[in-house]
Amino acid sequence: MIILKDWNFWLSLLFIINFISLPSDPFLGAFWFWHLFLGVVGIVWLGSLIIHKKRT
C-alpha cells in the first residue's frame, strides 16, 4: 500500500493514538480539550488523505 509510505498517514495516526490514549492517563486528562482537538484533526487528516489517494 502506497499510503503507508506517506508521512501524512503516520502523523495523522499519531494524532489519533494521542486521542485514544486520553482517558487512560490522568496527566493527559488535564489537557483534554487539546487532545480532543488533535484527535479530530487526525481523523479529518487521515480521511482527506484516503480520499486524495483514491482520486489519484
PDB file of N, CA and C in Angstrom:
ATOM      1  N   MET A   1       0.835  -1.186   0.000  1.00  0.00           N
ATOM      2  CA  MET A   1       0.000   0.000   0.000  1.00  0.00           C
ATOM      3  C   MET A   1       0.875   1.244   0.000  1.00  0.00           C
ATOM      4  N   ILE A   2       0.610   2.095  -0.939  1.00  0.00           N
ATOM      5  CA  ILE A   2       1.408   3.307  -1.083  1.00  0.00           C
ATOM      6  C   ILE A   2       1.147   4.309   0.034  1.00  0.00           C
ATOM      7  N   ILE A   3      -0.029   4.215   0.660  1.00  0.00           N
ATOM      8  CA  ILE A   3      -0.388   5.184   1.707  1.00  0.00           C
ATOM      9  C   ILE A   3       0.529   5.059   2.929  1.00  0.00           C
ATOM     10  N   LEU A   4       1.085   3.874   3.178  1.00  0.00           N
ATOM     11  CA  LEU A   4       1.955   3.683   4.340  1.00  0.00           C
ATOM     12  C   LEU A   4       3.286   4.411   4.195  1.00  0.00           C
ATOM     13  N   LYS A   5       3.653   4.776   2.983  1.00  0.00           N
ATOM     14  CA  LYS A   5       4.907   5.495   2.768  1.00  0.00           C
ATOM     15  C   LYS A   5       4.744   7.002   2.906  1.00  0.00           C
ATOM     16  N   ASP A   6       3.528   7.454   3.100  1.00  0.00           N
ATOM     17  CA  ASP A   6       3.245   8.887   3.176  1.00  0.00           C
ATOM     18  C   ASP A   6       3.379   9.366   4.625  1.00  0.00           C
ATOM     19  N   TRP A   7       4.113  10.437   4.842  1.00  0.00           N
ATOM     20  CA  TRP A   7       4.315  10.945   6.213  1.00  0.00           C
ATOM     21  C   TRP A   7       3.024  11.498   6.792  1.00  0.00           C
ATOM     22  N   ASN A   8       2.106  11.952   5.948  1.00  0.00           N
ATOM     23  CA  ASN A   8       0.820  12.446   6.444  1.00  0.00           C
ATOM     24  C   ASN A   8       0.032  11.344   7.138  1.00  0.00           C
ATOM     25  N   PHE A   9       0.137  10.127   6.629  1.00  0.00           N
ATOM     26  CA  PHE A   9      -0.554   8.993   7.238  1.00  0.00           C
ATOM     27  C   PHE A   9      -0.048   8.766   8.655  1.00  0.00           C
ATOM     28  N   TRP A  10       1.256   8.754   8.830  1.00  0.00           N
ATOM     29  CA  TRP A  10       1.832   8.463  10.148  1.00  0.00           C
ATOM     30  C   TRP A  10       1.564   9.596  11.133  1.00  0.00           C
ATOM     31  N   LEU A  11       1.575  10.824  10.661  1.00  0.00           N
ATOM     32  CA  LEU A  11       1.287  11.954  11.540  1.00  0.00           C
ATOM     33  C   LEU A  11      -0.174  11.949  11.984  1.00  0.00           C
ATOM     34  N   SER A  12      -1.083  11.661  11.064  1.00  0.00           N
ATOM     35  CA  SER A  12      -2.495  11.599  11.447  1.00  0.00           C
ATOM     36  C   SER A  12      -2.748  10.421  12.375  1.00  0.00           C
ATOM     37  N   LEU A  13      -2.050   9.308  12.161  1.00  0.00           N
ATOM     38  CA  LEU A  13      -2.184   8.157  13.051  1.00  0.00           C
ATOM     39  C   LEU A  13      -1.679   8.494  14.452  1.00  0.00           C
ATOM     40  N   LEU A  14      -0.612   9.262  14.543  1.00  0.00           N
ATOM     41  CA  LEU A  14      -0.103   9.695  15.840  1.00  0.00           C
ATOM     42  C   LEU A  14      -1.130  10.554  16.577  1.00  0.00           C
ATOM     43  N   PHE A  15      -1.791  11.456  15.865  1.00  0.00           N
ATOM     44  CA  PHE A  15      -2.833  12.282  16.482  1.00  0.00           C
ATOM     45  C   PHE A  15      -3.991  11.427  16.979  1.00  0.00           C
ATOM     46  N   ILE A  16      -4.382  10.414  16.186  1.00  0.00           N
ATOM     47  CA  ILE A  16      -5.497   9.555  16.583  1.00  0.00           C
ATOM     48  C   ILE A  16      -5.125   8.719  17.804  1.00  0.00           C
ATOM     49  N   ILE A  17      -3.901   8.194  17.854  1.00  0.00           N
ATOM     50  CA  ILE A  17      -3.451   7.422  19.022  1.00  0.00           C
ATOM     51  C   ILE A  17      -3.411   8.316  20.255  1.00  0.00           C
ATOM     52  N   ASN A  18      -2.991   9.549  20.080  1.00  0.00           N
ATOM     53  CA  ASN A  18      -2.998  10.519  21.173  1.00  0.00           C
ATOM     54  C   ASN A  18      -4.412  10.704  21.712  1.00  0.00           C
ATOM     55  N   PHE A  19      -5.384  10.770  20.822  1.00  0.00           N
ATOM     56  CA  PHE A  19      -6.782  10.929  21.206  1.00  0.00           C
ATOM     57  C   PHE A  19      -7.300   9.686  21.931  1.00  0.00           C
ATOM     58  N   ILE A  20      -6.920   8.501  21.458  1.00  0.00           N
ATOM     59  CA  ILE A  20      -7.384   7.252  22.074  1.00  0.00           C
ATOM     60  C   ILE A  20      -6.793   7.082  23.473  1.00  0.00           C
ATOM     61  N   SER A  21      -5.563   7.533  23.678  1.00  0.00           N
ATOM     62  CA  SER A  21      -4.916   7.372  24.985  1.00  0.00           C
ATOM     63  C   SER A  21      -5.402   8.384  26.013  1.00  0.00           C
ATOM     64  N   LEU A  22      -6.222   9.327  25.614  1.00  0.00           N
ATOM     65  CA  LEU A  22      -6.689  10.392  26.506  1.00  0.00           C
ATOM     66  C   LEU A  22      -7.340   9.890  27.788  1.00  0.00           C
ATOM     67  N   PRO A  23      -8.308   8.952  27.754  1.00  0.00           N
ATOM     68  CA  PRO A  23      -8.955   8.553  29.011  1.00  0.00           C
ATOM     69  C   PRO A  23      -8.075   7.709  29.931  1.00  0.00           C
ATOM     70  N   SER A  24      -6.992   7.146  29.410  1.00  0.00           N
ATOM     71  CA  SER A  24      -6.208   6.214  30.214  1.00  0.00           C
ATOM     72  C   SER A  24      -5.142   6.889  31.073  1.00  0.00           C
ATOM     73  N   ASP A  25      -4.834   8.132  30.819  1.00  0.00           N
ATOM     74  CA  ASP A  25      -3.745   8.792  31.539  1.00  0.00           C
ATOM     75  C   ASP A  25      -4.274  10.038  32.251  1.00  0.00           C
ATOM     76  N   PRO A  26      -4.183  10.089  33.583  1.00  0.00           N
ATOM     77  CA  PRO A  26      -4.705  11.251  34.304  1.00  0.00           C
ATOM     78  C   PRO A  26      -3.974  12.553  33.962  1.00  0.00           C
ATOM     79  N   PHE A  27      -2.684  12.467  33.666  1.00  0.00           N
ATOM     80  CA  PHE A  27      -1.944  13.677  33.311  1.00  0.00           C
ATOM     81  C   PHE A  27      -2.458  14.253  31.993  1.00  0.00           C
ATOM     82  N   LEU A  28      -2.706  13.360  31.018  1.00  0.00           N
ATOM     83  CA  LEU A  28      -3.240  13.821  29.739  1.00  0.00           C
ATOM     84  C   LEU A  28      -4.659  14.343  29.886  1.00  0.00           C
ATOM     85  N   GLY A  29      -5.381  13.827  30.872  1.00  0.00           N
ATOM     86  CA  GLY A  29      -6.752  14.263  31.100  1.00  0.00           C
ATOM     87  C   GLY A  29      -6.848  15.728  31.474  1.00  0.00           C
ATOM     88  N   ALA A  30      -5.777  16.274  32.042  1.00  0.00           N
ATOM     89  CA  ALA A  30      -5.776  17.687  32.405  1.00  0.00           C
ATOM     90  C   ALA A  30      -5.818  18.578  31.165  1.00  0.00           C
ATOM     91  N   PHE A  31      -5.352  18.063  30.062  1.00  0.00           N
ATOM     92  CA  PHE A  31      -5.335  18.813  28.806  1.00  0.00           C
ATOM     93  C   PHE A  31      -6.302  18.183  27.808  1.00  0.00           C
ATOM     94  N   TRP A  32      -7.472  17.787  28.265  1.00  0.00           N
ATOM     95  CA  TRP A  32      -8.403  17.008  27.442  1.00  0.00           C
ATOM     96  C   TRP A  32      -8.841  17.755  26.194  1.00  0.00           C
ATOM     97  N   PHE A  33      -9.026  19.070  26.278  1.00  0.00           N
ATOM     98  CA  PHE A  33      -9.502  19.804  25.105  1.00  0.00           C
ATOM     99  C   PHE A  33      -8.466  19.779  23.988  1.00  0.00           C
ATOM    100  N   TRP A  34      -7.207  19.952  24.338  1.00  0.00           N
ATOM    101  CA  TRP A  34      -6.132  19.929  23.343  1.00  0.00           C
ATOM    102  C   TRP A  34      -6.054  18.561  22.678  1.00  0.00           C
ATOM    103  N   HIS A  35      -6.164  17.497  23.464  1.00  0.00           N
ATOM    104  CA  HIS A  35      -6.085  16.150  22.909  1.00  0.00           C
ATOM    105  C   HIS A  35      -7.316  15.814  22.075  1.00  0.00           C
ATOM    106  N   LEU A  36      -8.466  16.324  22.484  1.00  0.00           N
ATOM    107  CA  LEU A  36      -9.674  16.145  21.677  1.00  0.00           C
ATOM    108  C   LEU A  36      -9.512  16.843  20.327  1.00  0.00           C
ATOM    109  N   PHE A  37      -8.978  18.043  20.343  1.00  0.00           N
ATOM    110  CA  PHE A  37      -8.737  18.784  19.104  1.00  0.00           C
ATOM    111  C   PHE A  37      -7.763  18.032  18.195  1.00  0.00           C
ATOM    112  N   LEU A  38      -6.658  17.537  18.763  1.00  0.00           N
ATOM    113  CA  LEU A  38      -5.687  16.790  17.966  1.00  0.00           C
ATOM    114  C   LEU A  38      -6.284  15.506  17.404  1.00  0.00           C
ATOM    115  N   GLY A  39      -7.140  14.848  18.170  1.00  0.00           N
ATOM    116  CA  GLY A  39      -7.789  13.637  17.682  1.00  0.00           C
ATOM    117  C   GLY A  39      -8.696  13.914  16.501  1.00  0.00           C
ATOM    118  N   VAL A  40      -9.464  14.982  16.580  1.00  0.00           N
ATOM    119  CA  VAL A  40     -10.343  15.349  15.466  1.00  0.00           C
ATOM    120  C   VAL A  40      -9.517  15.739  14.243  1.00  0.00           C
ATOM    121  N   VAL A  41      -8.451  16.481  14.455  1.00  0.00           N
ATOM    122  CA  VAL A  41      -7.564  16.846  13.345  1.00  0.00           C
ATOM    123  C   VAL A  41      -6.979  15.595  12.702  1.00  0.00           C
ATOM    124  N   GLY A  42      -6.562  14.635  13.510  1.00  0.00           N
ATOM    125  CA  GLY A  42      -6.001  13.397  12.972  1.00  0.00           C
ATOM    126  C   GLY A  42      -7.004  12.608  12.157  1.00  0.00           C
ATOM    127  N   ILE A  43      -8.239  12.527  12.634  1.00  0.00           N
ATOM    128  CA  ILE A  43      -9.273  11.787  11.907  1.00  0.00           C
ATOM    129  C   ILE A  43      -9.593  12.479  10.576  1.00  0.00           C
ATOM    130  N   VAL A  44      -9.733  13.789  10.601  1.00  0.00           N
ATOM    131  CA  VAL A  44     -10.015  14.531   9.367  1.00  0.00           C
ATOM    132  C   VAL A  44      -8.842  14.426   8.403  1.00  0.00           C
ATOM    133  N   TRP A  45      -7.630  14.535   8.921  1.00  0.00           N
ATOM    134  CA  TRP A  45      -6.433  14.463   8.087  1.00  0.00           C
ATOM    135  C   TRP A  45      -6.323  13.099   7.422  1.00  0.00           C
ATOM    136  N   LEU A  46      -6.555  12.037   8.182  1.00  0.00           N
ATOM    137  CA  LEU A  46      -6.482  10.693   7.625  1.00  0.00           C
ATOM    138  C   LEU A  46      -7.576  10.482   6.584  1.00  0.00           C
ATOM    139  N   GLY A  47      -8.771  10.952   6.866  1.00  0.00           N
ATOM    140  CA  GLY A  47      -9.857  10.821   5.900  1.00  0.00           C
ATOM    141  C   GLY A  47      -9.572  11.553   4.604  1.00  0.00           C
ATOM    142  N   SER A  48      -9.049  12.764   4.707  1.00  0.00           N
ATOM    143  CA  SER A  48      -8.741  13.519   3.490  1.00  0.00           C
ATOM    144  C   SER A  48      -7.591  12.877   2.720  1.00  0.00           C
ATOM    145  N   LEU A  49      -6.649  12.279   3.425  1.00  0.00           N
ATOM    146  CA  LEU A  49      -5.547  11.591   2.756  1.00  0.00           C
ATOM    147  C   LEU A  49      -6.056  10.380   1.981  1.00  0.00           C
ATOM    148  N   ILE A  50      -6.959   9.618   2.580  1.00  0.00           N
ATOM    149  CA  ILE A  50      -7.514   8.441   1.906  1.00  0.00           C
ATOM    150  C   ILE A  50      -8.323   8.862   0.682  1.00  0.00           C
ATOM    151  N   ILE A  51      -9.127   9.912   0.816  1.00  0.00           N
ATOM    152  CA  ILE A  51      -9.912  10.393  -0.324  1.00  0.00           C
ATOM    153  C   ILE A  51      -8.990  10.885  -1.437  1.00  0.00           C
ATOM    154  N   HIS A  52      -7.928  11.595  -1.071  1.00  0.00           N
ATOM    155  CA  HIS A  52      -6.983  12.100  -2.067  1.00  0.00           C
ATOM    156  C   HIS A  52      -6.292  10.948  -2.797  1.00  0.00           C
ATOM    157  N   LYS A  53      -5.904   9.906  -2.068  1.00  0.00           N
ATOM    158  CA  LYS A  53      -5.221   8.768  -2.688  1.00  0.00           C
ATOM    159  C   LYS A  53      -6.161   7.991  -3.607  1.00  0.00           C
ATOM    160  N   LYS A  54      -7.456   7.937  -3.275  1.00  0.00           N
ATOM    161  CA  LYS A  54      -8.403   7.229  -4.137  1.00  0.00           C
ATOM    162  C   LYS A  54      -8.650   7.992  -5.435  1.00  0.00           C
ATOM    163  N   ARG A  55      -8.554   9.315  -5.395  1.00  0.00           N
ATOM    164  CA  ARG A  55      -8.787  10.115  -6.600  1.00  0.00           C
ATOM    165  C   ARG A  55      -7.612  10.063  -7.557  1.00  0.00           C
ATOM    166  N   THR A  56      -6.421   9.849  -7.041  1.00  0.00           N
ATOM    167  CA  THR A  56      -5.236   9.841  -7.910  1.00  0.00           C
ATOM    168  C   THR A  56      -4.819   8.449  -8.263  1.00  0.00           C
TER     169      THR A  56
END
